[in-house]
PDB file of N, CA and C in Angstrom:
ATOM      1  N   MET A   1      13.015  59.965   2.037  1.00  0.00           N
ATOM      2  CA  MET A   1      13.920  60.426   1.016  1.00  0.00           C
ATOM      3  C   MET A   1      12.999  60.661  -0.254  1.00  0.00           C
ATOM      4  N   SER A   2      13.280  61.756  -0.923  1.00  0.00           N
ATOM      5  CA  SER A   2      12.527  61.969  -2.138  1.00  0.00           C
ATOM      6  C   SER A   2      13.193  61.336  -3.327  1.00  0.00           C
ATOM      7  N   SER A   3      12.595  61.435  -4.409  1.00  0.00           N
ATOM      8  CA  SER A   3      13.165  60.748  -5.679  1.00  0.00           C
ATOM      9  C   SER A   3      14.373  61.499  -6.154  1.00  0.00           C
ATOM     10  N   ILE A   4      15.204  60.850  -6.897  1.00  0.00           N
ATOM     11  CA  ILE A   4      16.426  61.447  -7.516  1.00  0.00           C
ATOM     12  C   ILE A   4      16.371  61.340  -9.012  1.00  0.00           C
ATOM     13  N   ALA A   5      16.915  62.345  -9.658  1.00  0.00           N
ATOM     14  CA  ALA A   5      17.029  62.372 -11.119  1.00  0.00           C
ATOM     15  C   ALA A   5      18.120  61.383 -11.533  1.00  0.00           C
ATOM     16  N   LEU A   6      17.880  60.547 -12.535  1.00  0.00           N
ATOM     17  CA  LEU A   6      18.933  59.595 -12.987  1.00  0.00           C
ATOM     18  C   LEU A   6      19.234  60.003 -14.403  1.00  0.00           C
ATOM     19  N   SER A   7      20.538  59.799 -14.735  1.00  0.00           N
ATOM     20  CA  SER A   7      20.907  60.028 -16.177  1.00  0.00           C
ATOM     21  C   SER A   7      21.639  58.855 -16.634  1.00  0.00           C
ATOM     22  N   ALA A   8      22.148  58.881 -17.907  1.00  0.00           N
ATOM     23  CA  ALA A   8      22.862  57.779 -18.458  1.00  0.00           C
ATOM     24  C   ALA A   8      24.194  57.566 -17.648  1.00  0.00           C
ATOM     25  N   THR A   9      24.734  58.656 -17.087  1.00  0.00           N
ATOM     26  CA  THR A   9      26.017  58.426 -16.374  1.00  0.00           C
ATOM     27  C   THR A   9      25.872  57.759 -15.067  1.00  0.00           C
ATOM     28  N   ASP A  10      24.769  57.815 -14.394  1.00  0.00           N
ATOM     29  CA  ASP A  10      24.614  57.248 -13.067  1.00  0.00           C
ATOM     30  C   ASP A  10      23.541  56.121 -12.998  1.00  0.00           C
ATOM     31  N   PHE A  11      22.844  55.807 -14.018  1.00  0.00           N
ATOM     32  CA  PHE A  11      21.724  54.874 -14.006  1.00  0.00           C
ATOM     33  C   PHE A  11      22.243  53.486 -13.559  1.00  0.00           C
ATOM     34  N   GLU A  12      23.234  52.932 -14.295  1.00  0.00           N
ATOM     35  CA  GLU A  12      23.709  51.572 -14.037  1.00  0.00           C
ATOM     36  C   GLU A  12      24.285  51.458 -12.575  1.00  0.00           C
ATOM     37  N   SER A  13      25.129  52.454 -12.191  1.00  0.00           N
ATOM     38  CA  SER A  13      25.703  52.339 -10.794  1.00  0.00           C
ATOM     39  C   SER A  13      24.595  52.411  -9.709  1.00  0.00           C
ATOM     40  N   THR A  14      23.578  53.216 -10.003  1.00  0.00           N
ATOM     41  CA  THR A  14      22.464  53.338  -9.038  1.00  0.00           C
ATOM     42  C   THR A  14      21.726  51.997  -8.935  1.00  0.00           C
ATOM     43  N   VAL A  15      21.464  51.344 -10.038  1.00  0.00           N
ATOM     44  CA  VAL A  15      20.752  50.045 -10.043  1.00  0.00           C
ATOM     45  C   VAL A  15      21.542  49.004  -9.371  1.00  0.00           C
ATOM     46  N   THR A  16      22.881  48.963  -9.645  1.00  0.00           N
ATOM     47  CA  THR A  16      23.749  47.878  -9.157  1.00  0.00           C
ATOM     48  C   THR A  16      24.210  48.070  -7.691  1.00  0.00           C
ATOM     49  N   ASP A  17      24.323  49.332  -7.269  1.00  0.00           N
ATOM     50  CA  ASP A  17      24.828  49.609  -5.926  1.00  0.00           C
ATOM     51  C   ASP A  17      23.775  49.685  -4.854  1.00  0.00           C
ATOM     52  N   ASN A  18      22.497  49.493  -5.190  1.00  0.00           N
ATOM     53  CA  ASN A  18      21.431  49.575  -4.182  1.00  0.00           C
ATOM     54  C   ASN A  18      20.583  48.253  -4.232  1.00  0.00           C
ATOM     55  N   ASP A  19      19.990  47.922  -3.078  1.00  0.00           N
ATOM     56  CA  ASP A  19      19.221  46.638  -3.021  1.00  0.00           C
ATOM     57  C   ASP A  19      17.948  46.747  -3.832  1.00  0.00           C
ATOM     58  N   ILE A  20      17.202  47.800  -3.626  1.00  0.00           N
ATOM     59  CA  ILE A  20      15.931  47.965  -4.379  1.00  0.00           C
ATOM     60  C   ILE A  20      15.927  49.342  -5.032  1.00  0.00           C
ATOM     61  N   VAL A  21      15.698  49.430  -6.294  1.00  0.00           N
ATOM     62  CA  VAL A  21      15.640  50.735  -7.014  1.00  0.00           C
ATOM     63  C   VAL A  21      14.327  50.684  -7.878  1.00  0.00           C
ATOM     64  N   LEU A  22      13.506  51.711  -7.729  1.00  0.00           N
ATOM     65  CA  LEU A  22      12.358  51.903  -8.624  1.00  0.00           C
ATOM     66  C   LEU A  22      12.781  53.117  -9.501  1.00  0.00           C
ATOM     67  N   VAL A  23      12.321  53.036 -10.779  1.00  0.00           N
ATOM     68  CA  VAL A  23      12.677  54.046 -11.751  1.00  0.00           C
ATOM     69  C   VAL A  23      11.390  54.439 -12.445  1.00  0.00           C
ATOM     70  N   ASP A  24      11.098  55.703 -12.499  1.00  0.00           N
ATOM     71  CA  ASP A  24       9.882  56.258 -13.197  1.00  0.00           C
ATOM     72  C   ASP A  24      10.466  56.957 -14.459  1.00  0.00           C
ATOM     73  N   PHE A  25      10.082  56.431 -15.632  1.00  0.00           N
ATOM     74  CA  PHE A  25      10.443  57.079 -16.914  1.00  0.00           C
ATOM     75  C   PHE A  25       9.334  58.023 -17.235  1.00  0.00           C
ATOM     76  N   TRP A  26       9.555  59.288 -17.442  1.00  0.00           N
ATOM     77  CA  TRP A  26       8.509  60.258 -17.580  1.00  0.00           C
ATOM     78  C   TRP A  26       8.961  61.397 -18.561  1.00  0.00           C
ATOM     79  N   ALA A  27       8.033  62.276 -18.746  1.00  0.00           N
ATOM     80  CA  ALA A  27       8.306  63.498 -19.557  1.00  0.00           C
ATOM     81  C   ALA A  27       7.383  64.628 -19.047  1.00  0.00           C
ATOM     82  N   SER A  28       7.792  65.865 -19.111  1.00  0.00           N
ATOM     83  CA  SER A  28       7.054  66.991 -18.611  1.00  0.00           C
ATOM     84  C   SER A  28       5.731  67.278 -19.385  1.00  0.00           C
ATOM     85  N   TRP A  29       5.685  66.892 -20.621  1.00  0.00           N
ATOM     86  CA  TRP A  29       4.506  67.072 -21.433  1.00  0.00           C
ATOM     87  C   TRP A  29       3.463  65.997 -21.217  1.00  0.00           C
ATOM     88  N   CYS A  30       3.793  64.979 -20.521  1.00  0.00           N
ATOM     89  CA  CYS A  30       2.909  63.806 -20.359  1.00  0.00           C
ATOM     90  C   CYS A  30       1.890  63.957 -19.119  1.00  0.00           C
ATOM     91  N   GLY A  31       0.629  64.023 -19.445  1.00  0.00           N
ATOM     92  CA  GLY A  31      -0.372  64.181 -18.393  1.00  0.00           C
ATOM     93  C   GLY A  31      -0.384  63.083 -17.348  1.00  0.00           C
ATOM     94  N   PRO A  32      -0.440  61.834 -17.869  1.00  0.00           N
ATOM     95  CA  PRO A  32      -0.393  60.772 -16.798  1.00  0.00           C
ATOM     96  C   PRO A  32       0.935  60.721 -16.014  1.00  0.00           C
ATOM     97  N   CYS A  33       2.030  61.171 -16.559  1.00  0.00           N
ATOM     98  CA  CYS A  33       3.298  61.277 -15.842  1.00  0.00           C
ATOM     99  C   CYS A  33       3.150  62.317 -14.657  1.00  0.00           C
ATOM    100  N   ARG A  34       2.515  63.462 -15.017  1.00  0.00           N
ATOM    101  CA  ARG A  34       2.327  64.498 -14.028  1.00  0.00           C
ATOM    102  C   ARG A  34       1.385  64.039 -12.947  1.00  0.00           C
ATOM    103  N   ALA A  35       0.381  63.199 -13.289  1.00  0.00           N
ATOM    104  CA  ALA A  35      -0.596  62.699 -12.316  1.00  0.00           C
ATOM    105  C   ALA A  35       0.068  61.685 -11.388  1.00  0.00           C
ATOM    106  N   PHE A  36       1.008  60.912 -11.924  1.00  0.00           N
ATOM    107  CA  PHE A  36       1.704  59.864 -11.170  1.00  0.00           C
ATOM    108  C   PHE A  36       2.794  60.476 -10.251  1.00  0.00           C
ATOM    109  N   ALA A  37       3.332  61.544 -10.624  1.00  0.00           N
ATOM    110  CA  ALA A  37       4.506  62.139  -9.865  1.00  0.00           C
ATOM    111  C   ALA A  37       4.234  62.288  -8.407  1.00  0.00           C
ATOM    112  N   PRO A  38       3.088  62.859  -7.967  1.00  0.00           N
ATOM    113  CA  PRO A  38       2.903  62.973  -6.468  1.00  0.00           C
ATOM    114  C   PRO A  38       2.662  61.616  -5.779  1.00  0.00           C
ATOM    115  N   VAL A  39       2.111  60.690  -6.434  1.00  0.00           N
ATOM    116  CA  VAL A  39       2.000  59.319  -5.895  1.00  0.00           C
ATOM    117  C   VAL A  39       3.338  58.711  -5.679  1.00  0.00           C
ATOM    118  N   TYR A  40       4.228  58.902  -6.643  1.00  0.00           N
ATOM    119  CA  TYR A  40       5.635  58.380  -6.661  1.00  0.00           C
ATOM    120  C   TYR A  40       6.402  59.040  -5.527  1.00  0.00           C
ATOM    121  N   GLU A  41       6.280  60.317  -5.404  1.00  0.00           N
ATOM    122  CA  GLU A  41       6.991  61.111  -4.384  1.00  0.00           C
ATOM    123  C   GLU A  41       6.543  60.656  -2.961  1.00  0.00           C
ATOM    124  N   LYS A  42       5.239  60.481  -2.816  1.00  0.00           N
ATOM    125  CA  LYS A  42       4.731  60.029  -1.499  1.00  0.00           C
ATOM    126  C   LYS A  42       5.235  58.728  -1.126  1.00  0.00           C
ATOM    127  N   ALA A  43       5.348  57.732  -2.108  1.00  0.00           N
ATOM    128  CA  ALA A  43       5.873  56.412  -1.872  1.00  0.00           C
ATOM    129  C   ALA A  43       7.391  56.489  -1.523  1.00  0.00           C
ATOM    130  N   ALA A  44       8.109  57.454  -2.184  1.00  0.00           N
ATOM    131  CA  ALA A  44       9.528  57.662  -1.935  1.00  0.00           C
ATOM    132  C   ALA A  44       9.731  58.111  -0.441  1.00  0.00           C
ATOM    133  N   GLU A  45       8.883  59.001  -0.011  1.00  0.00           N
ATOM    134  CA  GLU A  45       9.011  59.500   1.379  1.00  0.00           C
ATOM    135  C   GLU A  45       8.694  58.391   2.375  1.00  0.00           C
ATOM    136  N   ALA A  46       7.771  57.494   2.002  1.00  0.00           N
ATOM    137  CA  ALA A  46       7.311  56.443   2.889  1.00  0.00           C
ATOM    138  C   ALA A  46       8.262  55.256   2.887  1.00  0.00           C
ATOM    139  N   ASN A  47       9.178  55.157   1.954  1.00  0.00           N
ATOM    140  CA  ASN A  47      10.135  54.033   1.811  1.00  0.00           C
ATOM    141  C   ASN A  47      11.565  54.511   1.697  1.00  0.00           C
ATOM    142  N   PRO A  48      12.135  55.015   2.796  1.00  0.00           N
ATOM    143  CA  PRO A  48      13.464  55.634   2.672  1.00  0.00           C
ATOM    144  C   PRO A  48      14.540  54.620   2.388  1.00  0.00           C
ATOM    145  N   ASP A  49      14.316  53.288   2.517  1.00  0.00           N
ATOM    146  CA  ASP A  49      15.318  52.281   2.250  1.00  0.00           C
ATOM    147  C   ASP A  49      15.314  51.940   0.755  1.00  0.00           C
ATOM    148  N   ILE A  50      14.525  52.496  -0.035  1.00  0.00           N
ATOM    149  CA  ILE A  50      14.435  52.221  -1.454  1.00  0.00           C
ATOM    150  C   ILE A  50      14.871  53.463  -2.189  1.00  0.00           C
ATOM    151  N   VAL A  51      15.629  53.286  -3.302  1.00  0.00           N
ATOM    152  CA  VAL A  51      16.014  54.358  -4.126  1.00  0.00           C
ATOM    153  C   VAL A  51      14.857  54.505  -5.161  1.00  0.00           C
ATOM    154  N   PHE A  52      14.344  55.735  -5.257  1.00  0.00           N
ATOM    155  CA  PHE A  52      13.245  56.145  -6.196  1.00  0.00           C
ATOM    156  C   PHE A  52      13.930  57.085  -7.179  1.00  0.00           C
ATOM    157  N   GLY A  53      14.195  56.545  -8.454  1.00  0.00           N
ATOM    158  CA  GLY A  53      14.783  57.382  -9.454  1.00  0.00           C
ATOM    159  C   GLY A  53      13.805  57.804 -10.457  1.00  0.00           C
ATOM    160  N   LYS A  54      14.095  58.960 -11.140  1.00  0.00           N
ATOM    161  CA  LYS A  54      13.277  59.400 -12.268  1.00  0.00           C
ATOM    162  C   LYS A  54      14.149  59.735 -13.442  1.00  0.00           C
ATOM    163  N   VAL A  55      13.702  59.212 -14.586  1.00  0.00           N
ATOM    164  CA  VAL A  55      14.415  59.476 -15.820  1.00  0.00           C
ATOM    165  C   VAL A  55      13.544  60.386 -16.767  1.00  0.00           C
ATOM    166  N   ASP A  56      14.001  61.545 -17.018  1.00  0.00           N
ATOM    167  CA  ASP A  56      13.323  62.418 -17.935  1.00  0.00           C
ATOM    168  C   ASP A  56      13.620  61.912 -19.383  1.00  0.00           C
ATOM    169  N   THR A  57      12.620  61.292 -19.995  1.00  0.00           N
ATOM    170  CA  THR A  57      12.874  60.702 -21.279  1.00  0.00           C
ATOM    171  C   THR A  57      13.181  61.696 -22.411  1.00  0.00           C
ATOM    172  N   GLU A  58      12.851  62.944 -22.212  1.00  0.00           N
ATOM    173  CA  GLU A  58      13.170  63.995 -23.193  1.00  0.00           C
ATOM    174  C   GLU A  58      14.692  64.342 -23.082  1.00  0.00           C
ATOM    175  N   ALA A  59      15.181  64.456 -21.895  1.00  0.00           N
ATOM    176  CA  ALA A  59      16.570  64.771 -21.696  1.00  0.00           C
ATOM    177  C   ALA A  59      17.449  63.556 -21.799  1.00  0.00           C
ATOM    178  N   GLU A  60      16.978  62.339 -21.539  1.00  0.00           N
ATOM    179  CA  GLU A  60      17.771  61.121 -21.587  1.00  0.00           C
ATOM    180  C   GLU A  60      17.208  60.138 -22.622  1.00  0.00           C
ATOM    181  N   GLN A  61      17.097  60.627 -23.861  1.00  0.00           N
ATOM    182  CA  GLN A  61      16.554  59.877 -24.983  1.00  0.00           C
ATOM    183  C   GLN A  61      17.295  58.555 -25.207  1.00  0.00           C
ATOM    184  N   ALA A  62      18.609  58.587 -25.125  1.00  0.00           N
ATOM    185  CA  ALA A  62      19.349  57.442 -25.369  1.00  0.00           C
ATOM    186  C   ALA A  62      19.171  56.364 -24.280  1.00  0.00           C
ATOM    187  N   LEU A  63      19.060  56.816 -23.038  1.00  0.00           N
ATOM    188  CA  LEU A  63      18.796  55.947 -21.918  1.00  0.00           C
ATOM    189  C   LEU A  63      17.418  55.330 -22.028  1.00  0.00           C
ATOM    190  N   ALA A  64      16.469  56.115 -22.390  1.00  0.00           N
ATOM    191  CA  ALA A  64      15.078  55.604 -22.549  1.00  0.00           C
ATOM    192  C   ALA A  64      15.018  54.585 -23.669  1.00  0.00           C
ATOM    193  N   ALA A  65      15.820  54.882 -24.785  1.00  0.00           N
ATOM    194  CA  ALA A  65      15.829  53.880 -25.881  1.00  0.00           C
ATOM    195  C   ALA A  65      16.501  52.612 -25.369  1.00  0.00           C
ATOM    196  N   ALA A  66      17.595  52.637 -24.658  1.00  0.00           N
ATOM    197  CA  ALA A  66      18.289  51.536 -24.225  1.00  0.00           C
ATOM    198  C   ALA A  66      17.409  50.685 -23.248  1.00  0.00           C
ATOM    199  N   ALA A  67      16.560  51.343 -22.476  1.00  0.00           N
ATOM    200  CA  ALA A  67      15.687  50.689 -21.589  1.00  0.00           C
ATOM    201  C   ALA A  67      14.331  50.202 -22.277  1.00  0.00           C
ATOM    202  N   GLN A  68      14.290  50.436 -23.687  1.00  0.00           N
ATOM    203  CA  GLN A  68      13.245  50.014 -24.469  1.00  0.00           C
ATOM    204  C   GLN A  68      11.878  50.563 -24.032  1.00  0.00           C
ATOM    205  N   ILE A  69      11.902  51.882 -23.643  1.00  0.00           N
ATOM    206  CA  ILE A  69      10.707  52.557 -23.199  1.00  0.00           C
ATOM    207  C   ILE A  69       9.913  52.984 -24.455  1.00  0.00           C
ATOM    208  N   THR A  70       8.698  52.487 -24.589  1.00  0.00           N
ATOM    209  CA  THR A  70       7.823  52.830 -25.683  1.00  0.00           C
ATOM    210  C   THR A  70       6.541  53.540 -25.294  1.00  0.00           C
ATOM    211  N   SER A  71       6.348  53.661 -24.009  1.00  0.00           N
ATOM    212  CA  SER A  71       5.185  54.377 -23.461  1.00  0.00           C
ATOM    213  C   SER A  71       5.564  54.976 -22.111  1.00  0.00           C
ATOM    214  N   ILE A  72       5.081  56.122 -21.808  1.00  0.00           N
ATOM    215  CA  ILE A  72       5.358  56.752 -20.537  1.00  0.00           C
ATOM    216  C   ILE A  72       4.040  57.192 -19.860  1.00  0.00           C
ATOM    217  N   PRO A  73       3.960  57.155 -18.597  1.00  0.00           N
ATOM    218  CA  PRO A  73       5.086  56.755 -17.663  1.00  0.00           C
ATOM    219  C   PRO A  73       5.256  55.232 -17.759  1.00  0.00           C
ATOM    220  N   THR A  74       6.505  54.817 -17.527  1.00  0.00           N
ATOM    221  CA  THR A  74       6.807  53.418 -17.311  1.00  0.00           C
ATOM    222  C   THR A  74       7.565  53.276 -15.977  1.00  0.00           C
ATOM    223  N   LEU A  75       7.134  52.317 -15.163  1.00  0.00           N
ATOM    224  CA  LEU A  75       7.785  52.082 -13.869  1.00  0.00           C
ATOM    225  C   LEU A  75       8.539  50.754 -14.019  1.00  0.00           C
ATOM    226  N   MET A  76       9.880  50.854 -13.668  1.00  0.00           N
ATOM    227  CA  MET A  76      10.669  49.676 -13.552  1.00  0.00           C
ATOM    228  C   MET A  76      11.074  49.496 -12.107  1.00  0.00           C
ATOM    229  N   ALA A  77      11.270  48.245 -11.669  1.00  0.00           N
ATOM    230  CA  ALA A  77      11.853  47.931 -10.385  1.00  0.00           C
ATOM    231  C   ALA A  77      12.950  46.977 -10.546  1.00  0.00           C
ATOM    232  N   PHE A  78      14.098  47.277  -9.859  1.00  0.00           N
ATOM    233  CA  PHE A  78      15.255  46.498  -9.881  1.00  0.00           C
ATOM    234  C   PHE A  78      15.568  45.973  -8.401  1.00  0.00           C
ATOM    235  N   ARG A  79      15.883  44.752  -8.268  1.00  0.00           N
ATOM    236  CA  ARG A  79      16.271  44.182  -6.949  1.00  0.00           C
ATOM    237  C   ARG A  79      17.622  43.558  -7.160  1.00  0.00           C
ATOM    238  N   GLU A  80      18.553  43.962  -6.385  1.00  0.00           N
ATOM    239  CA  GLU A  80      19.933  43.454  -6.455  1.00  0.00           C
ATOM    240  C   GLU A  80      20.476  43.466  -7.872  1.00  0.00           C
ATOM    241  N   GLY A  81      20.159  44.613  -8.581  1.00  0.00           N
ATOM    242  CA  GLY A  81      20.653  44.761  -9.953  1.00  0.00           C
ATOM    243  C   GLY A  81      19.907  44.072 -10.987  1.00  0.00           C
ATOM    244  N   VAL A  82      18.831  43.319 -10.665  1.00  0.00           N
ATOM    245  CA  VAL A  82      18.073  42.589 -11.635  1.00  0.00           C
ATOM    246  C   VAL A  82      16.741  43.315 -11.849  1.00  0.00           C
ATOM    247  N   LEU A  83      16.341  43.448 -13.166  1.00  0.00           N
ATOM    248  CA  LEU A  83      15.062  43.973 -13.473  1.00  0.00           C
ATOM    249  C   LEU A  83      14.037  42.958 -13.113  1.00  0.00           C
ATOM    250  N   VAL A  84      13.080  43.327 -12.162  1.00  0.00           N
ATOM    251  CA  VAL A  84      12.081  42.362 -11.758  1.00  0.00           C
ATOM    252  C   VAL A  84      10.703  42.778 -12.069  1.00  0.00           C
ATOM    253  N   PHE A  85      10.513  44.033 -12.464  1.00  0.00           N
ATOM    254  CA  PHE A  85       9.187  44.570 -12.826  1.00  0.00           C
ATOM    255  C   PHE A  85       9.321  45.718 -13.825  1.00  0.00           C
ATOM    256  N   SER A  86       8.435  45.684 -14.783  1.00  0.00           N
ATOM    257  CA  SER A  86       8.406  46.769 -15.788  1.00  0.00           C
ATOM    258  C   SER A  86       6.948  46.857 -16.348  1.00  0.00           C
ATOM    259  N   GLN A  87       6.358  48.079 -16.140  1.00  0.00           N
ATOM    260  CA  GLN A  87       5.019  48.267 -16.590  1.00  0.00           C
ATOM    261  C   GLN A  87       4.716  49.687 -16.947  1.00  0.00           C
ATOM    262  N   PRO A  88       4.166  49.928 -18.147  1.00  0.00           N
ATOM    263  CA  PRO A  88       3.778  51.270 -18.527  1.00  0.00           C
ATOM    264  C   PRO A  88       2.448  51.651 -17.874  1.00  0.00           C
ATOM    265  N   GLY A  89       2.272  52.923 -17.643  1.00  0.00           N
ATOM    266  CA  GLY A  89       0.998  53.421 -17.104  1.00  0.00           C
ATOM    267  C   GLY A  89       1.148  53.947 -15.678  1.00  0.00           C
ATOM    268  N   ALA A  90       0.422  54.924 -15.391  1.00  0.00           N
ATOM    269  CA  ALA A  90       0.446  55.558 -14.071  1.00  0.00           C
ATOM    270  C   ALA A  90      -0.319  54.579 -13.100  1.00  0.00           C
ATOM    271  N   LEU A  91       0.292  54.275 -12.033  1.00  0.00           N
ATOM    272  CA  LEU A  91      -0.278  53.393 -10.984  1.00  0.00           C
ATOM    273  C   LEU A  91      -0.956  54.205  -9.921  1.00  0.00           C
ATOM    274  N   PRO A  92      -2.128  53.803  -9.425  1.00  0.00           N
ATOM    275  CA  PRO A  92      -2.664  54.431  -8.239  1.00  0.00           C
ATOM    276  C   PRO A  92      -1.804  54.019  -7.006  1.00  0.00           C
ATOM    277  N   ALA A  93      -1.904  54.759  -5.932  1.00  0.00           N
ATOM    278  CA  ALA A  93      -1.107  54.537  -4.781  1.00  0.00           C
ATOM    279  C   ALA A  93      -1.219  53.073  -4.255  1.00  0.00           C
ATOM    280  N   PRO A  94      -2.407  52.492  -4.175  1.00  0.00           N
ATOM    281  CA  PRO A  94      -2.455  51.154  -3.622  1.00  0.00           C
ATOM    282  C   PRO A  94      -1.737  50.163  -4.519  1.00  0.00           C
ATOM    283  N   ALA A  95      -1.812  50.346  -5.794  1.00  0.00           N
ATOM    284  CA  ALA A  95      -1.106  49.408  -6.756  1.00  0.00           C
ATOM    285  C   ALA A  95       0.448  49.631  -6.690  1.00  0.00           C
ATOM    286  N   LEU A  96       0.911  50.810  -6.500  1.00  0.00           N
ATOM    287  CA  LEU A  96       2.373  51.045  -6.280  1.00  0.00           C
ATOM    288  C   LEU A  96       2.793  50.426  -4.973  1.00  0.00           C
ATOM    289  N   ASP A  97       1.994  50.562  -3.975  1.00  0.00           N
ATOM    290  CA  ASP A  97       2.319  49.839  -2.672  1.00  0.00           C
ATOM    291  C   ASP A  97       2.443  48.420  -2.841  1.00  0.00           C
ATOM    292  N   LYS A  98       1.547  47.773  -3.664  1.00  0.00           N
ATOM    293  CA  LYS A  98       1.625  46.349  -3.918  1.00  0.00           C
ATOM    294  C   LYS A  98       2.871  45.927  -4.684  1.00  0.00           C
ATOM    295  N   VAL A  99       3.244  46.793  -5.666  1.00  0.00           N
ATOM    296  CA  VAL A  99       4.502  46.465  -6.348  1.00  0.00           C
ATOM    297  C   VAL A  99       5.704  46.533  -5.405  1.00  0.00           C
ATOM    298  N   ILE A 100       5.725  47.563  -4.524  1.00  0.00           N
ATOM    299  CA  ILE A 100       6.837  47.716  -3.608  1.00  0.00           C
ATOM    300  C   ILE A 100       6.870  46.507  -2.663  1.00  0.00           C
ATOM    301  N   SER A 101       5.742  46.023  -2.137  1.00  0.00           N
ATOM    302  CA  SER A 101       5.677  44.893  -1.218  1.00  0.00           C
ATOM    303  C   SER A 101       6.169  43.653  -1.981  1.00  0.00           C
ATOM    304  N   ALA A 102       5.715  43.467  -3.172  1.00  0.00           N
ATOM    305  CA  ALA A 102       6.071  42.327  -3.952  1.00  0.00           C
ATOM    306  C   ALA A 102       7.574  42.265  -4.297  1.00  0.00           C
ATOM    307  N   VAL A 103       8.158  43.362  -4.593  1.00  0.00           N
ATOM    308  CA  VAL A 103       9.609  43.398  -4.825  1.00  0.00           C
ATOM    309  C   VAL A 103      10.374  43.119  -3.536  1.00  0.00           C
ATOM    310  N   ARG A 104       9.906  43.643  -2.433  1.00  0.00           N
ATOM    311  CA  ARG A 104      10.570  43.375  -1.129  1.00  0.00           C
ATOM    312  C   ARG A 104      10.609  41.866  -0.832  1.00  0.00           C
ATOM    313  N   GLU A 105       9.470  41.186  -1.183  1.00  0.00           N
ATOM    314  CA  GLU A 105       9.263  39.794  -0.754  1.00  0.00           C
ATOM    315  C   GLU A 105       9.929  38.809  -1.735  1.00  0.00           C
ATOM    316  N   LEU A 106      10.509  39.245  -2.823  1.00  0.00           N
ATOM    317  CA  LEU A 106      11.041  38.339  -3.830  1.00  0.00           C
ATOM    318  C   LEU A 106      12.233  37.479  -3.214  1.00  0.00           C
ATOM    319  N   ASP A 107      12.228  36.256  -3.626  1.00  0.00           N
ATOM    320  CA  ASP A 107      13.342  35.342  -3.266  1.00  0.00           C
ATOM    321  C   ASP A 107      14.399  35.439  -4.413  1.00  0.00           C
ATOM    322  N   MET A 108      15.432  36.298  -4.189  1.00  0.00           N
ATOM    323  CA  MET A 108      16.391  36.507  -5.215  1.00  0.00           C
ATOM    324  C   MET A 108      17.275  35.313  -5.525  1.00  0.00           C
ATOM    325  N   ASP A 109      17.421  34.438  -4.570  1.00  0.00           N
ATOM    326  CA  ASP A 109      18.202  33.234  -4.922  1.00  0.00           C
ATOM    327  C   ASP A 109      17.425  32.440  -5.932  1.00  0.00           C
ATOM    328  N   GLU A 110      16.116  32.317  -5.792  1.00  0.00           N
ATOM    329  CA  GLU A 110      15.273  31.616  -6.749  1.00  0.00           C
ATOM    330  C   GLU A 110      15.289  32.286  -8.084  1.00  0.00           C
ATOM    331  N   ILE A 111      15.220  33.630  -8.181  1.00  0.00           N
ATOM    332  CA  ILE A 111      15.253  34.332  -9.411  1.00  0.00           C
ATOM    333  C   ILE A 111      16.595  34.152 -10.107  1.00  0.00           C
ATOM    334  N   ARG A 112      17.655  34.280  -9.338  1.00  0.00           N
ATOM    335  CA  ARG A 112      18.989  34.060  -9.982  1.00  0.00           C
ATOM    336  C   ARG A 112      19.125  32.620 -10.511  1.00  0.00           C
ATOM    337  N   ALA A 113      18.682  31.669  -9.801  1.00  0.00           N
ATOM    338  CA  ALA A 113      18.689  30.235 -10.233  1.00  0.00           C
ATOM    339  C   ALA A 113      17.859  30.124 -11.528  1.00  0.00           C
ATOM    340  N   SER A 114      16.767  30.741 -11.572  1.00  0.00           N
ATOM    341  CA  SER A 114      15.902  30.683 -12.818  1.00  0.00           C
ATOM    342  C   SER A 114      16.624  31.307 -14.005  1.00  0.00           C
ATOM    343  N   MET A 115      17.283  32.445 -13.743  1.00  0.00           N
ATOM    344  CA  MET A 115      18.047  33.142 -14.816  1.00  0.00           C
ATOM    345  C   MET A 115      19.193  32.259 -15.265  1.00  0.00           C
ATOM    346  N   ALA A 116      19.847  31.598 -14.370  1.00  0.00           N
ATOM    347  CA  ALA A 116      21.011  30.762 -14.704  1.00  0.00           C
ATOM    348  C   ALA A 116      20.479  29.602 -15.589  1.00  0.00           C
ATOM    349  N   ALA A 117      19.370  29.094 -15.195  1.00  0.00           N
ATOM    350  CA  ALA A 117      18.750  27.945 -15.959  1.00  0.00           C
ATOM    351  C   ALA A 117      18.354  28.416 -17.404  1.00  0.00           C
ATOM    352  N   ASP A 118      17.979  29.641 -17.563  1.00  0.00           N
ATOM    353  CA  ASP A 118      17.606  30.202 -18.885  1.00  0.00           C
ATOM    354  C   ASP A 118      18.812  30.412 -19.782  1.00  0.00           C
ATOM    355  N   GLY A 119      19.999  30.484 -19.173  1.00  0.00           N
ATOM    356  CA  GLY A 119      21.226  30.668 -20.013  1.00  0.00           C
ATOM    357  C   GLY A 119      21.754  32.071 -19.990  1.00  0.00           C
ATOM    358  N   PRO A 120      22.925  32.198 -20.603  1.00  0.00           N
ATOM    359  CA  PRO A 120      23.550  33.538 -20.697  1.00  0.00           C
ATOM    360  C   PRO A 120      22.696  34.536 -21.425  1.00  0.00           C
ATOM    361  N   GLY A 121      22.628  35.759 -20.922  1.00  0.00           N
ATOM    362  CA  GLY A 121      21.847  36.836 -21.616  1.00  0.00           C
ATOM    363  C   GLY A 121      20.419  36.808 -21.186  1.00  0.00           C
ATOM    364  N   ALA A 122      20.033  35.905 -20.286  1.00  0.00           N
ATOM    365  CA  ALA A 122      18.666  35.813 -19.882  1.00  0.00           C
ATOM    366  C   ALA A 122      18.198  37.010 -19.111  1.00  0.00           C
ATOM    367  N   ASP A 123      19.153  37.721 -18.437  1.00  0.00           N
ATOM    368  CA  ASP A 123      18.745  38.934 -17.706  1.00  0.00           C
ATOM    369  C   ASP A 123      18.842  40.148 -18.517  1.00  0.00           C
ATOM    370  N   GLY A 124      19.050  39.982 -19.776  1.00  0.00           N
ATOM    371  CA  GLY A 124      19.228  41.144 -20.674  1.00  0.00           C
ATOM    372  C   GLY A 124      20.600  41.615 -20.797  1.00  0.00           C
ATOM    373  N   ARG A 125      21.561  40.947 -20.104  1.00  0.00           N
ATOM    374  CA  ARG A 125      23.015  41.278 -20.244  1.00  0.00           C
ATOM    375  C   ARG A 125      23.702  40.155 -20.953  1.00  0.00           C
ATOM    376  N   GLU A 126      24.807  40.418 -21.576  1.00  0.00           N
ATOM    377  CA  GLU A 126      25.492  39.418 -22.251  1.00  0.00           C
ATOM    378  C   GLU A 126      26.678  38.907 -21.383  1.00  0.00           C
TER     379      GLU A 126
END
């Protein structure tokens, strides 16, 4: 499956309705974003069980601001609706594969327990 464009109207439902979602925040004028795009698309094709979303930060400025994007490209990974990875910069294919493997291997019960111990709003939500 190839990547899908995400907007403010479908971002939250995509993240909450799927087990694993990767999101690439990018812009057409960004050289590193253009370099990362084929790496991201190849990973999307190789991992059809994961949703690979793309957010055009020029078209979706409010969404990029809400996600606190200060540098592009920025890759975020969500597992069971929880943000588990966020890093600016274009990743080479082996590094992206490592992120995908790490996200797959997360113990979400442990992460939720840790979030609960940190108190309300620890996951960025109120």
